[in-house]
Amino acid sequence: MASQAAKKGGTLDVFKWLVVSALLVAAIVGNGQNPEVGLLYRALGVVALALIALGVALTTERGRKFNQYRKEAWTELRKVIWPTRTETTQTTLLVLAVVLLVALIMFFFDMLISFLIGLVVG
């Protein structure tokens, strides 16, 4: 009995994903097939159909899981301790200094190798 309930939910989810696909295809095709309609109205139509498709997608099992994941990710993002402006500036300057130092070292090695090859080749 439980497998039948799971199968029924799965069948309903498949139908919902077909509806989502049909809505998105309708938005794309409708936008391309109606150039005589103003751009603003076509854009609003595409956005409206995309939002309806998103709403239908969020009612599926995978959509609910994605929404839960999105909420958890947002919660974790709020826990992040962001660097201050001073820390960001200091780190940026340190990175630039190291990049400059490595570039100079590579330049001198390149000049040395070029000089040695010039001596060997003649």
PDB file of N, CA and C in Angstrom:
ATOM      1  N   MET A   1       0.815  -1.191   0.000  1.00  0.00           N
ATOM      2  CA  MET A   1       0.000   0.000   0.000  1.00  0.00           C
ATOM      3  C   MET A   1       0.862   1.260   0.000  1.00  0.00           C
ATOM      4  N   ALA A   2       1.961   1.224   0.752  1.00  0.00           N
ATOM      5  CA  ALA A   2       2.843   2.387   0.816  1.00  0.00           C
ATOM      6  C   ALA A   2       3.494   2.639  -0.536  1.00  0.00           C
ATOM      7  N   SER A   3       3.835   1.564  -1.250  1.00  0.00           N
ATOM      8  CA  SER A   3       4.470   1.748  -2.556  1.00  0.00           C
ATOM      9  C   SER A   3       3.490   2.371  -3.545  1.00  0.00           C
ATOM     10  N   GLN A   4       2.189   2.044  -3.404  1.00  0.00           N
ATOM     11  CA  GLN A   4       1.190   2.652  -4.289  1.00  0.00           C
ATOM     12  C   GLN A   4       1.061   4.147  -3.998  1.00  0.00           C
ATOM     13  N   ALA A   5       1.126   4.517  -2.733  1.00  0.00           N
ATOM     14  CA  ALA A   5       1.049   5.941  -2.376  1.00  0.00           C
ATOM     15  C   ALA A   5       2.268   6.679  -2.902  1.00  0.00           C
ATOM     16  N   ALA A   6       3.437   6.060  -2.772  1.00  0.00           N
ATOM     17  CA  ALA A   6       4.653   6.692  -3.287  1.00  0.00           C
ATOM     18  C   ALA A   6       4.594   6.801  -4.799  1.00  0.00           C
ATOM     19  N   LYS A   7       4.072   5.773  -5.448  1.00  0.00           N
ATOM     20  CA  LYS A   7       3.973   5.800  -6.902  1.00  0.00           C
ATOM     21  C   LYS A   7       3.001   6.878  -7.351  1.00  0.00           C
ATOM     22  N   LYS A   8       1.866   7.011  -6.619  1.00  0.00           N
ATOM     23  CA  LYS A   8       0.894   8.029  -6.980  1.00  0.00           C
ATOM     24  C   LYS A   8       1.498   9.423  -6.839  1.00  0.00           C
ATOM     25  N   GLY A   9       2.240   9.668  -5.743  1.00  0.00           N
ATOM     26  CA  GLY A   9       2.911  10.951  -5.573  1.00  0.00           C
ATOM     27  C   GLY A   9       3.933  11.171  -6.659  1.00  0.00           C
ATOM     28  N   GLY A  10       4.627  10.101  -7.049  1.00  0.00           N
ATOM     29  CA  GLY A  10       5.611  10.201  -8.114  1.00  0.00           C
ATOM     30  C   GLY A  10       4.960  10.524  -9.439  1.00  0.00           C
ATOM     31  N   THR A  11       3.797   9.911  -9.705  1.00  0.00           N
ATOM     32  CA  THR A  11       3.075  10.178 -10.944  1.00  0.00           C
ATOM     33  C   THR A  11       2.588  11.617 -10.967  1.00  0.00           C
ATOM     34  N   LEU A  12       2.104  12.093  -9.842  1.00  0.00           N
ATOM     35  CA  LEU A  12       1.652  13.477  -9.764  1.00  0.00           C
ATOM     36  C   LEU A  12       2.823  14.440  -9.960  1.00  0.00           C
ATOM     37  N   ASP A  13       3.969  14.086  -9.386  1.00  0.00           N
ATOM     38  CA  ASP A  13       5.153  14.926  -9.576  1.00  0.00           C
ATOM     39  C   ASP A  13       5.577  14.967 -11.039  1.00  0.00           C
ATOM     40  N   VAL A  14       5.516  13.817 -11.712  1.00  0.00           N
ATOM     41  CA  VAL A  14       5.866  13.780 -13.133  1.00  0.00           C
ATOM     42  C   VAL A  14       4.915  14.684 -13.909  1.00  0.00           C
ATOM     43  N   PHE A  15       3.628  14.620 -13.600  1.00  0.00           N
ATOM     44  CA  PHE A  15       2.654  15.484 -14.265  1.00  0.00           C
ATOM     45  C   PHE A  15       2.964  16.959 -14.003  1.00  0.00           C
ATOM     46  N   LYS A  16       3.322  17.284 -12.761  1.00  0.00           N
ATOM     47  CA  LYS A  16       3.648  18.671 -12.425  1.00  0.00           C
ATOM     48  C   LYS A  16       4.880  19.144 -13.190  1.00  0.00           C
ATOM     49  N   TRP A  17       5.895  18.278 -13.338  1.00  0.00           N
ATOM     50  CA  TRP A  17       7.086  18.664 -14.093  1.00  0.00           C
ATOM     51  C   TRP A  17       6.754  18.842 -15.567  1.00  0.00           C
ATOM     52  N   LEU A  18       5.822  18.054 -16.081  1.00  0.00           N
ATOM     53  CA  LEU A  18       5.373  18.256 -17.462  1.00  0.00           C
ATOM     54  C   LEU A  18       4.678  19.609 -17.610  1.00  0.00           C
ATOM     55  N   VAL A  19       3.881  19.980 -16.612  1.00  0.00           N
ATOM     56  CA  VAL A  19       3.218  21.287 -16.632  1.00  0.00           C
ATOM     57  C   VAL A  19       4.260  22.402 -16.582  1.00  0.00           C
ATOM     58  N   VAL A  20       5.271  22.237 -15.733  1.00  0.00           N
ATOM     59  CA  VAL A  20       6.347  23.233 -15.642  1.00  0.00           C
ATOM     60  C   VAL A  20       7.040  23.370 -16.997  1.00  0.00           C
ATOM     61  N   SER A  21       7.359  22.242 -17.616  1.00  0.00           N
ATOM     62  CA  SER A  21       8.008  22.271 -18.931  1.00  0.00           C
ATOM     63  C   SER A  21       7.125  22.951 -19.966  1.00  0.00           C
ATOM     64  N   ALA A  22       5.839  22.615 -19.950  1.00  0.00           N
ATOM     65  CA  ALA A  22       4.915  23.215 -20.918  1.00  0.00           C
ATOM     66  C   ALA A  22       4.810  24.725 -20.712  1.00  0.00           C
ATOM     67  N   LEU A  23       4.778  25.169 -19.473  1.00  0.00           N
ATOM     68  CA  LEU A  23       4.711  26.608 -19.197  1.00  0.00           C
ATOM     69  C   LEU A  23       5.966  27.329 -19.697  1.00  0.00           C
ATOM     70  N   LEU A  24       7.127  26.736 -19.461  1.00  0.00           N
ATOM     71  CA  LEU A  24       8.367  27.367 -19.912  1.00  0.00           C
ATOM     72  C   LEU A  24       8.472  27.383 -21.434  1.00  0.00           C
ATOM     73  N   VAL A  25       8.052  26.285 -22.077  1.00  0.00           N
ATOM     74  CA  VAL A  25       8.053  26.246 -23.541  1.00  0.00           C
ATOM     75  C   VAL A  25       7.071  27.277 -24.081  1.00  0.00           C
ATOM     76  N   ALA A  26       5.896  27.396 -23.454  1.00  0.00           N
ATOM     77  CA  ALA A  26       4.904  28.379 -23.888  1.00  0.00           C
ATOM     78  C   ALA A  26       5.468  29.799 -23.754  1.00  0.00           C
ATOM     79  N   ALA A  27       6.214  30.050 -22.689  1.00  0.00           N
ATOM     80  CA  ALA A  27       6.807  31.383 -22.502  1.00  0.00           C
ATOM     81  C   ALA A  27       7.818  31.685 -23.606  1.00  0.00           C
ATOM     82  N   ILE A  28       8.657  30.712 -23.908  1.00  0.00           N
ATOM     83  CA  ILE A  28       9.696  30.927 -24.920  1.00  0.00           C
ATOM     84  C   ILE A  28       9.089  31.049 -26.307  1.00  0.00           C
ATOM     85  N   VAL A  29       8.210  30.113 -26.655  1.00  0.00           N
ATOM     86  CA  VAL A  29       7.601  30.130 -27.983  1.00  0.00           C
ATOM     87  C   VAL A  29       6.699  31.349 -28.148  1.00  0.00           C
ATOM     88  N   GLY A  30       5.915  31.651 -27.123  1.00  0.00           N
ATOM     89  CA  GLY A  30       5.025  32.806 -27.193  1.00  0.00           C
ATOM     90  C   GLY A  30       5.793  34.103 -27.364  1.00  0.00           C
ATOM     91  N   ASN A  31       6.937  34.199 -26.719  1.00  0.00           N
ATOM     92  CA  ASN A  31       7.765  35.395 -26.864  1.00  0.00           C
ATOM     93  C   ASN A  31       8.307  35.503 -28.287  1.00  0.00           C
ATOM     94  N   GLY A  32       8.700  34.383 -28.848  1.00  0.00           N
ATOM     95  CA  GLY A  32       9.277  34.417 -30.184  1.00  0.00           C
ATOM     96  C   GLY A  32       8.250  34.544 -31.296  1.00  0.00           C
ATOM     97  N   GLN A  33       7.023  34.084 -31.070  1.00  0.00           N
ATOM     98  CA  GLN A  33       6.007  34.063 -32.114  1.00  0.00           C
ATOM     99  C   GLN A  33       5.162  35.331 -32.160  1.00  0.00           C
ATOM    100  N   ASN A  34       5.327  36.210 -31.214  1.00  0.00           N
ATOM    101  CA  ASN A  34       4.493  37.418 -31.163  1.00  0.00           C
ATOM    102  C   ASN A  34       5.336  38.680 -31.143  1.00  0.00           C
ATOM    103  N   PRO A  35       6.093  38.947 -32.209  1.00  0.00           N
ATOM    104  CA  PRO A  35       6.927  40.159 -32.198  1.00  0.00           C
ATOM    105  C   PRO A  35       6.107  41.448 -32.308  1.00  0.00           C
ATOM    106  N   GLU A  36       4.840  41.336 -32.739  1.00  0.00           N
ATOM    107  CA  GLU A  36       4.020  42.544 -32.867  1.00  0.00           C
ATOM    108  C   GLU A  36       3.571  43.085 -31.510  1.00  0.00           C
ATOM    109  N   VAL A  37       3.610  42.234 -30.480  1.00  0.00           N
ATOM    110  CA  VAL A  37       3.253  42.664 -29.131  1.00  0.00           C
ATOM    111  C   VAL A  37       4.455  43.416 -28.553  1.00  0.00           C
ATOM    112  N   GLY A  38       4.188  44.417 -27.786  1.00  0.00           N
ATOM    113  CA  GLY A  38       5.259  45.229 -27.211  1.00  0.00           C
ATOM    114  C   GLY A  38       6.216  44.413 -26.356  1.00  0.00           C
ATOM    115  N   LEU A  39       7.461  44.836 -26.343  1.00  0.00           N
ATOM    116  CA  LEU A  39       8.499  44.123 -25.605  1.00  0.00           C
ATOM    117  C   LEU A  39       8.179  44.039 -24.118  1.00  0.00           C
ATOM    118  N   LEU A  40       7.653  45.099 -23.553  1.00  0.00           N
ATOM    119  CA  LEU A  40       7.317  45.103 -22.131  1.00  0.00           C
ATOM    120  C   LEU A  40       6.284  44.033 -21.818  1.00  0.00           C
ATOM    121  N   TYR A  41       5.246  43.927 -22.645  1.00  0.00           N
ATOM    122  CA  TYR A  41       4.193  42.941 -22.398  1.00  0.00           C
ATOM    123  C   TYR A  41       4.710  41.522 -22.584  1.00  0.00           C
ATOM    124  N   ARG A  42       5.577  41.331 -23.584  1.00  0.00           N
ATOM    125  CA  ARG A  42       6.150  39.993 -23.776  1.00  0.00           C
ATOM    126  C   ARG A  42       7.033  39.623 -22.585  1.00  0.00           C
ATOM    127  N   ALA A  43       7.832  40.585 -22.104  1.00  0.00           N
ATOM    128  CA  ALA A  43       8.700  40.321 -20.951  1.00  0.00           C
ATOM    129  C   ALA A  43       7.865  40.012 -19.712  1.00  0.00           C
ATOM    130  N   LEU A  44       6.802  40.773 -19.498  1.00  0.00           N
ATOM    131  CA  LEU A  44       5.929  40.509 -18.350  1.00  0.00           C
ATOM    132  C   LEU A  44       5.265  39.140 -18.467  1.00  0.00           C
ATOM    133  N   GLY A  45       4.888  38.757 -19.685  1.00  0.00           N
ATOM    134  CA  GLY A  45       4.303  37.438 -19.905  1.00  0.00           C
ATOM    135  C   GLY A  45       5.288  36.322 -19.597  1.00  0.00           C
ATOM    136  N   VAL A  46       6.530  36.493 -20.041  1.00  0.00           N
ATOM    137  CA  VAL A  46       7.551  35.478 -19.759  1.00  0.00           C
ATOM    138  C   VAL A  46       7.802  35.379 -18.259  1.00  0.00           C
ATOM    139  N   VAL A  47       7.908  36.510 -17.591  1.00  0.00           N
ATOM    140  CA  VAL A  47       8.139  36.507 -16.146  1.00  0.00           C
ATOM    141  C   VAL A  47       6.961  35.869 -15.418  1.00  0.00           C
ATOM    142  N   ALA A  48       5.752  36.199 -15.825  1.00  0.00           N
ATOM    143  CA  ALA A  48       4.566  35.627 -15.176  1.00  0.00           C
ATOM    144  C   ALA A  48       4.524  34.103 -15.352  1.00  0.00           C
ATOM    145  N   LEU A  49       4.756  33.626 -16.575  1.00  0.00           N
ATOM    146  CA  LEU A  49       4.744  32.179 -16.798  1.00  0.00           C
ATOM    147  C   LEU A  49       5.883  31.491 -16.051  1.00  0.00           C
ATOM    148  N   ALA A  50       7.040  32.146 -15.969  1.00  0.00           N
ATOM    149  CA  ALA A  50       8.163  31.563 -15.234  1.00  0.00           C
ATOM    150  C   ALA A  50       7.848  31.476 -13.744  1.00  0.00           C
ATOM    151  N   LEU A  51       7.189  32.494 -13.198  1.00  0.00           N
ATOM    152  CA  LEU A  51       6.818  32.464 -11.782  1.00  0.00           C
ATOM    153  C   LEU A  51       5.768  31.398 -11.504  1.00  0.00           C
ATOM    154  N   ILE A  52       4.820  31.246 -12.409  1.00  0.00           N
ATOM    155  CA  ILE A  52       3.818  30.186 -12.244  1.00  0.00           C
ATOM    156  C   ILE A  52       4.508  28.826 -12.308  1.00  0.00           C
ATOM    157  N   ALA A  53       5.427  28.655 -13.257  1.00  0.00           N
ATOM    158  CA  ALA A  53       6.167  27.396 -13.372  1.00  0.00           C
ATOM    159  C   ALA A  53       6.975  27.131 -12.106  1.00  0.00           C
ATOM    160  N   LEU A  54       7.600  28.166 -11.558  1.00  0.00           N
ATOM    161  CA  LEU A  54       8.347  28.011 -10.312  1.00  0.00           C
ATOM    162  C   LEU A  54       7.421  27.587  -9.170  1.00  0.00           C
ATOM    163  N   GLY A  55       6.248  28.213  -9.104  1.00  0.00           N
ATOM    164  CA  GLY A  55       5.286  27.835  -8.068  1.00  0.00           C
ATOM    165  C   GLY A  55       4.855  26.390  -8.178  1.00  0.00           C
ATOM    166  N   VAL A  56       4.615  25.928  -9.394  1.00  0.00           N
ATOM    167  CA  VAL A  56       4.231  24.527  -9.587  1.00  0.00           C
ATOM    168  C   VAL A  56       5.409  23.613  -9.242  1.00  0.00           C
ATOM    169  N   ALA A  57       6.616  24.000  -9.651  1.00  0.00           N
ATOM    170  CA  ALA A  57       7.795  23.171  -9.380  1.00  0.00           C
ATOM    171  C   ALA A  57       8.043  23.036  -7.880  1.00  0.00           C
ATOM    172  N   LEU A  58       7.772  24.093  -7.126  1.00  0.00           N
ATOM    173  CA  LEU A  58       8.006  24.036  -5.679  1.00  0.00           C
ATOM    174  C   LEU A  58       6.992  23.152  -4.953  1.00  0.00           C
ATOM    175  N   THR A  59       5.918  22.753  -5.622  1.00  0.00           N
ATOM    176  CA  THR A  59       4.953  21.859  -4.982  1.00  0.00           C
ATOM    177  C   THR A  59       5.326  20.395  -5.166  1.00  0.00           C
ATOM    178  N   THR A  60       6.372  20.114  -5.946  1.00  0.00           N
ATOM    179  CA  THR A  60       6.818  18.734  -6.117  1.00  0.00           C
ATOM    180  C   THR A  60       7.756  18.360  -4.970  1.00  0.00           C
ATOM    181  N   GLU A  61       8.024  17.079  -4.841  1.00  0.00           N
ATOM    182  CA  GLU A  61       8.923  16.614  -3.780  1.00  0.00           C
ATOM    183  C   GLU A  61      10.319  17.197  -3.956  1.00  0.00           C
ATOM    184  N   ARG A  62      10.828  17.171  -5.174  1.00  0.00           N
ATOM    185  CA  ARG A  62      12.161  17.714  -5.436  1.00  0.00           C
ATOM    186  C   ARG A  62      12.163  19.226  -5.212  1.00  0.00           C
ATOM    187  N   GLY A  63      11.085  19.896  -5.563  1.00  0.00           N
ATOM    188  CA  GLY A  63      10.993  21.333  -5.347  1.00  0.00           C
ATOM    189  C   GLY A  63      10.984  21.686  -3.871  1.00  0.00           C
ATOM    190  N   ARG A  64      10.273  20.882  -3.069  1.00  0.00           N
ATOM    191  CA  ARG A  64      10.268  21.132  -1.620  1.00  0.00           C
ATOM    192  C   ARG A  64      11.659  20.917  -1.026  1.00  0.00           C
ATOM    193  N   LYS A  65      12.353  19.881  -1.509  1.00  0.00           N
ATOM    194  CA  LYS A  65      13.707  19.638  -1.009  1.00  0.00           C
ATOM    195  C   LYS A  65      14.637  20.783  -1.398  1.00  0.00           C
ATOM    196  N   PHE A  66      14.508  21.261  -2.628  1.00  0.00           N
ATOM    197  CA  PHE A  66      15.336  22.383  -3.075  1.00  0.00           C
ATOM    198  C   PHE A  66      15.049  23.630  -2.243  1.00  0.00           C
ATOM    199  N   ASN A  67      13.785  23.895  -1.974  1.00  0.00           N
ATOM    200  CA  ASN A  67      13.421  25.070  -1.183  1.00  0.00           C
ATOM    201  C   ASN A  67      13.967  24.960   0.238  1.00  0.00           C
ATOM    202  N   GLN A  68      13.918  23.768   0.812  1.00  0.00           N
ATOM    203  CA  GLN A  68      14.476  23.559   2.153  1.00  0.00           C
ATOM    204  C   GLN A  68      15.985  23.786   2.135  1.00  0.00           C
ATOM    205  N   TYR A  69      16.645  23.276   1.102  1.00  0.00           N
ATOM    206  CA  TYR A  69      18.095  23.482   0.953  1.00  0.00           C
ATOM    207  C   TYR A  69      18.419  24.967   0.825  1.00  0.00           C
ATOM    208  N   ARG A  70      17.610  25.692   0.039  1.00  0.00           N
ATOM    209  CA  ARG A  70      17.813  27.129  -0.135  1.00  0.00           C
ATOM    210  C   ARG A  70      17.686  27.860   1.201  1.00  0.00           C
ATOM    211  N   LYS A  71      16.692  27.488   2.005  1.00  0.00           N
ATOM    212  CA  LYS A  71      16.503  28.125   3.309  1.00  0.00           C
ATOM    213  C   LYS A  71      17.679  27.845   4.235  1.00  0.00           C
ATOM    214  N   GLU A  72      18.165  26.598   4.237  1.00  0.00           N
ATOM    215  CA  GLU A  72      19.298  26.248   5.091  1.00  0.00           C
ATOM    216  C   GLU A  72      20.560  26.978   4.643  1.00  0.00           C
ATOM    217  N   ALA A  73      20.754  27.095   3.341  1.00  0.00           N
ATOM    218  CA  ALA A  73      21.925  27.807   2.827  1.00  0.00           C
ATOM    219  C   ALA A  73      21.872  29.278   3.228  1.00  0.00           C
ATOM    220  N   TRP A  74      20.693  29.883   3.158  1.00  0.00           N
ATOM    221  CA  TRP A  74      20.544  31.291   3.548  1.00  0.00           C
ATOM    222  C   TRP A  74      20.835  31.471   5.038  1.00  0.00           C
ATOM    223  N   THR A  75      20.384  30.508   5.850  1.00  0.00           N
ATOM    224  CA  THR A  75      20.656  30.566   7.286  1.00  0.00           C
ATOM    225  C   THR A  75      22.155  30.499   7.544  1.00  0.00           C
ATOM    226  N   GLU A  76      22.841  29.601   6.858  1.00  0.00           N
ATOM    227  CA  GLU A  76      24.288  29.487   7.023  1.00  0.00           C
ATOM    228  C   GLU A  76      25.009  30.739   6.541  1.00  0.00           C
ATOM    229  N   LEU A  77      24.501  31.333   5.467  1.00  0.00           N
ATOM    230  CA  LEU A  77      25.119  32.542   4.930  1.00  0.00           C
ATOM    231  C   LEU A  77      25.039  33.687   5.930  1.00  0.00           C
ATOM    232  N   ARG A  78      23.962  33.744   6.698  1.00  0.00           N
ATOM    233  CA  ARG A  78      23.836  34.797   7.702  1.00  0.00           C
ATOM    234  C   ARG A  78      24.793  34.584   8.874  1.00  0.00           C
ATOM    235  N   LYS A  79      25.285  33.346   9.054  1.00  0.00           N
ATOM    236  CA  LYS A  79      26.217  33.061  10.147  1.00  0.00           C
ATOM    237  C   LYS A  79      27.658  33.436   9.806  1.00  0.00           C
ATOM    238  N   VAL A  80      27.917  33.714   8.541  1.00  0.00           N
ATOM    239  CA  VAL A  80      29.284  34.020   8.111  1.00  0.00           C
ATOM    240  C   VAL A  80      29.737  35.344   8.721  1.00  0.00           C
ATOM    241  N   ILE A  81      30.978  35.365   9.194  1.00  0.00           N
ATOM    242  CA  ILE A  81      31.563  36.595   9.714  1.00  0.00           C
ATOM    243  C   ILE A  81      32.376  37.195   8.573  1.00  0.00           C
ATOM    244  N   TRP A  82      31.880  38.287   8.024  1.00  0.00           N
ATOM    245  CA  TRP A  82      32.520  38.911   6.879  1.00  0.00           C
ATOM    246  C   TRP A  82      33.670  39.784   7.347  1.00  0.00           C
ATOM    247  N   PRO A  83      34.735  39.886   6.546  1.00  0.00           N
ATOM    248  CA  PRO A  83      35.872  40.731   6.947  1.00  0.00           C
ATOM    249  C   PRO A  83      35.493  42.211   6.904  1.00  0.00           C
ATOM    250  N   THR A  84      36.186  42.965   7.729  1.00  0.00           N
ATOM    251  CA  THR A  84      35.943  44.407   7.744  1.00  0.00           C
ATOM    252  C   THR A  84      36.608  45.041   6.527  1.00  0.00           C
ATOM    253  N   ARG A  85      36.314  46.286   6.309  1.00  0.00           N
ATOM    254  CA  ARG A  85      36.912  47.006   5.172  1.00  0.00           C
ATOM    255  C   ARG A  85      38.433  47.064   5.309  1.00  0.00           C
ATOM    256  N   THR A  86      38.911  47.283   6.531  1.00  0.00           N
ATOM    257  CA  THR A  86      40.354  47.343   6.779  1.00  0.00           C
ATOM    258  C   THR A  86      41.010  45.997   6.477  1.00  0.00           C
ATOM    259  N   GLU A  87      40.411  44.917   6.962  1.00  0.00           N
ATOM    260  CA  GLU A  87      40.964  43.585   6.698  1.00  0.00           C
ATOM    261  C   GLU A  87      40.977  43.278   5.198  1.00  0.00           C
ATOM    262  N   THR A  88      39.925  43.662   4.518  1.00  0.00           N
ATOM    263  CA  THR A  88      39.858  43.427   3.071  1.00  0.00           C
ATOM    264  C   THR A  88      40.933  44.216   2.344  1.00  0.00           C
ATOM    265  N   THR A  89      41.116  45.469   2.727  1.00  0.00           N
ATOM    266  CA  THR A  89      42.141  46.312   2.098  1.00  0.00           C
ATOM    267  C   THR A  89      43.536  45.750   2.353  1.00  0.00           C
ATOM    268  N   GLN A  90      43.818  45.365   3.596  1.00  0.00           N
ATOM    269  CA  GLN A  90      45.131  44.823   3.926  1.00  0.00           C
ATOM    270  C   GLN A  90      45.409  43.525   3.171  1.00  0.00           C
ATOM    271  N   THR A  91      44.425  42.650   3.103  1.00  0.00           N
ATOM    272  CA  THR A  91      44.602  41.389   2.394  1.00  0.00           C
ATOM    273  C   THR A  91      44.814  41.625   0.903  1.00  0.00           C
ATOM    274  N   THR A  92      44.060  42.553   0.332  1.00  0.00           N
ATOM    275  CA  THR A  92      44.215  42.871  -1.092  1.00  0.00           C
ATOM    276  C   THR A  92      45.603  43.410  -1.381  1.00  0.00           C
ATOM    277  N   LEU A  93      46.078  44.323  -0.537  1.00  0.00           N
ATOM    278  CA  LEU A  93      47.419  44.876  -0.736  1.00  0.00           C
ATOM    279  C   LEU A  93      48.492  43.809  -0.585  1.00  0.00           C
ATOM    280  N   LEU A  94      48.310  42.892   0.364  1.00  0.00           N
ATOM    281  CA  LEU A  94      49.266  41.805   0.539  1.00  0.00           C
ATOM    282  C   LEU A  94      49.294  40.896  -0.699  1.00  0.00           C
ATOM    283  N   VAL A  95      48.146  40.589  -1.236  1.00  0.00           N
ATOM    284  CA  VAL A  95      48.080  39.759  -2.446  1.00  0.00           C
ATOM    285  C   VAL A  95      48.757  40.468  -3.605  1.00  0.00           C
ATOM    286  N   LEU A  96      48.495  41.749  -3.778  1.00  0.00           N
ATOM    287  CA  LEU A  96      49.143  42.506  -4.851  1.00  0.00           C
ATOM    288  C   LEU A  96      50.659  42.531  -4.690  1.00  0.00           C
ATOM    289  N   ALA A  97      51.134  42.687  -3.463  1.00  0.00           N
ATOM    290  CA  ALA A  97      52.580  42.704  -3.213  1.00  0.00           C
ATOM    291  C   ALA A  97      53.204  41.349  -3.553  1.00  0.00           C
ATOM    292  N   VAL A  98      52.567  40.275  -3.163  1.00  0.00           N
ATOM    293  CA  VAL A  98      53.089  38.938  -3.465  1.00  0.00           C
ATOM    294  C   VAL A  98      53.077  38.691  -4.968  1.00  0.00           C
ATOM    295  N   VAL A  99      52.032  39.096  -5.656  1.00  0.00           N
ATOM    296  CA  VAL A  99      51.962  38.932  -7.111  1.00  0.00           C
ATOM    297  C   VAL A  99      53.085  39.722  -7.772  1.00  0.00           C
ATOM    298  N   LEU A 100      53.322  40.936  -7.330  1.00  0.00           N
ATOM    299  CA  LEU A 100      54.405  41.747  -7.881  1.00  0.00           C
ATOM    300  C   LEU A 100      55.761  41.095  -7.621  1.00  0.00           C
ATOM    301  N   LEU A 101      55.974  40.596  -6.419  1.00  0.00           N
ATOM    302  CA  LEU A 101      57.225  39.932  -6.082  1.00  0.00           C
ATOM    303  C   LEU A 101      57.462  38.706  -6.960  1.00  0.00           C
ATOM    304  N   VAL A 102      56.442  37.873  -7.116  1.00  0.00           N
ATOM    305  CA  VAL A 102      56.569  36.677  -7.956  1.00  0.00           C
ATOM    306  C   VAL A 102      56.796  37.073  -9.407  1.00  0.00           C
ATOM    307  N   ALA A 103      56.145  38.125  -9.884  1.00  0.00           N
ATOM    308  CA  ALA A 103      56.351  38.589 -11.261  1.00  0.00           C
ATOM    309  C   ALA A 103      57.792  39.048 -11.461  1.00  0.00           C
ATOM    310  N   LEU A 104      58.365  39.764 -10.491  1.00  0.00           N
ATOM    311  CA  LEU A 104      59.759  40.204 -10.601  1.00  0.00           C
ATOM    312  C   LEU A 104      60.718  39.018 -10.588  1.00  0.00           C
ATOM    313  N   ILE A 105      60.470  38.069  -9.723  1.00  0.00           N
ATOM    314  CA  ILE A 105      61.319  36.869  -9.680  1.00  0.00           C
ATOM    315  C   ILE A 105      61.268  36.135 -11.014  1.00  0.00           C
ATOM    316  N   MET A 106      60.077  35.967 -11.562  1.00  0.00           N
ATOM    317  CA  MET A 106      59.944  35.291 -12.852  1.00  0.00           C
ATOM    318  C   MET A 106      60.628  36.095 -13.957  1.00  0.00           C
ATOM    319  N   PHE A 107      60.534  37.409 -13.903  1.00  0.00           N
ATOM    320  CA  PHE A 107      61.191  38.260 -14.899  1.00  0.00           C
ATOM    321  C   PHE A 107      62.706  38.056 -14.857  1.00  0.00           C
ATOM    322  N   PHE A 108      63.293  38.062 -13.646  1.00  0.00           N
ATOM    323  CA  PHE A 108      64.740  37.893 -13.537  1.00  0.00           C
ATOM    324  C   PHE A 108      65.185  36.490 -13.958  1.00  0.00           C
ATOM    325  N   PHE A 109      64.392  35.450 -13.603  1.00  0.00           N
ATOM    326  CA  PHE A 109      64.719  34.105 -14.075  1.00  0.00           C
ATOM    327  C   PHE A 109      64.639  34.027 -15.595  1.00  0.00           C
ATOM    328  N   ASP A 110      63.656  34.678 -16.183  1.00  0.00           N
ATOM    329  CA  ASP A 110      63.513  34.684 -17.636  1.00  0.00           C
ATOM    330  C   ASP A 110      64.710  35.378 -18.279  1.00  0.00           C
ATOM    331  N   MET A 111      65.125  36.501 -17.712  1.00  0.00           N
ATOM    332  CA  MET A 111      66.288  37.217 -18.248  1.00  0.00           C
ATOM    333  C   MET A 111      67.553  36.364 -18.121  1.00  0.00           C
ATOM    334  N   LEU A 112      67.716  35.676 -16.980  1.00  0.00           N
ATOM    335  CA  LEU A 112      68.880  34.820 -16.767  1.00  0.00           C
ATOM    336  C   LEU A 112      68.894  33.672 -17.767  1.00  0.00           C
ATOM    337  N   ILE A 113      67.777  33.012 -17.926  1.00  0.00           N
ATOM    338  CA  ILE A 113      67.687  31.893 -18.875  1.00  0.00           C
ATOM    339  C   ILE A 113      67.927  32.389 -20.307  1.00  0.00           C
ATOM    340  N   SER A 114      67.362  33.537 -20.658  1.00  0.00           N
ATOM    341  CA  SER A 114      67.586  34.100 -22.001  1.00  0.00           C
ATOM    342  C   SER A 114      69.066  34.407 -22.212  1.00  0.00           C
ATOM    343  N   PHE A 115      69.719  34.951 -21.201  1.00  0.00           N
ATOM    344  CA  PHE A 115      71.138  35.265 -21.294  1.00  0.00           C
ATOM    345  C   PHE A 115      71.969  33.987 -21.475  1.00  0.00           C
ATOM    346  N   LEU A 116      71.654  32.959 -20.660  1.00  0.00           N
ATOM    347  CA  LEU A 116      72.394  31.700 -20.770  1.00  0.00           C
ATOM    348  C   LEU A 116      72.188  31.023 -22.111  1.00  0.00           C
ATOM    349  N   ILE A 117      70.968  31.045 -22.615  1.00  0.00           N
ATOM    350  CA  ILE A 117      70.704  30.469 -23.933  1.00  0.00           C
ATOM    351  C   ILE A 117      71.436  31.253 -25.000  1.00  0.00           C
ATOM    352  N   GLY A 118      71.495  32.575 -24.870  1.00  0.00           N
ATOM    353  CA  GLY A 118      72.240  33.404 -25.808  1.00  0.00           C
ATOM    354  C   GLY A 118      73.719  33.064 -25.827  1.00  0.00           C
ATOM    355  N   LEU A 119      74.266  32.754 -24.642  1.00  0.00           N
ATOM    356  CA  LEU A 119      75.683  32.356 -24.578  1.00  0.00           C
ATOM    357  C   LEU A 119      75.924  31.017 -25.266  1.00  0.00           C
ATOM    358  N   VAL A 120      74.989  30.072 -25.062  1.00  0.00           N
ATOM    359  CA  VAL A 120      75.142  28.732 -25.627  1.00  0.00           C
ATOM    360  C   VAL A 120      74.939  28.772 -27.155  1.00  0.00           C
ATOM    361  N   VAL A 121      73.921  29.449 -27.599  1.00  0.00           N
ATOM    362  CA  VAL A 121      73.597  29.474 -29.014  1.00  0.00           C
ATOM    363  C   VAL A 121      74.592  30.363 -29.772  1.00  0.00           C
ATOM    364  N   GLY A 122      75.015  31.412 -29.182  1.00  0.00           N
ATOM    365  CA  GLY A 122      76.047  32.199 -29.796  1.00  0.00           C
ATOM    366  C   GLY A 122      75.642  33.511 -30.262  1.00  0.00           C
TER     367      GLY A 122
END
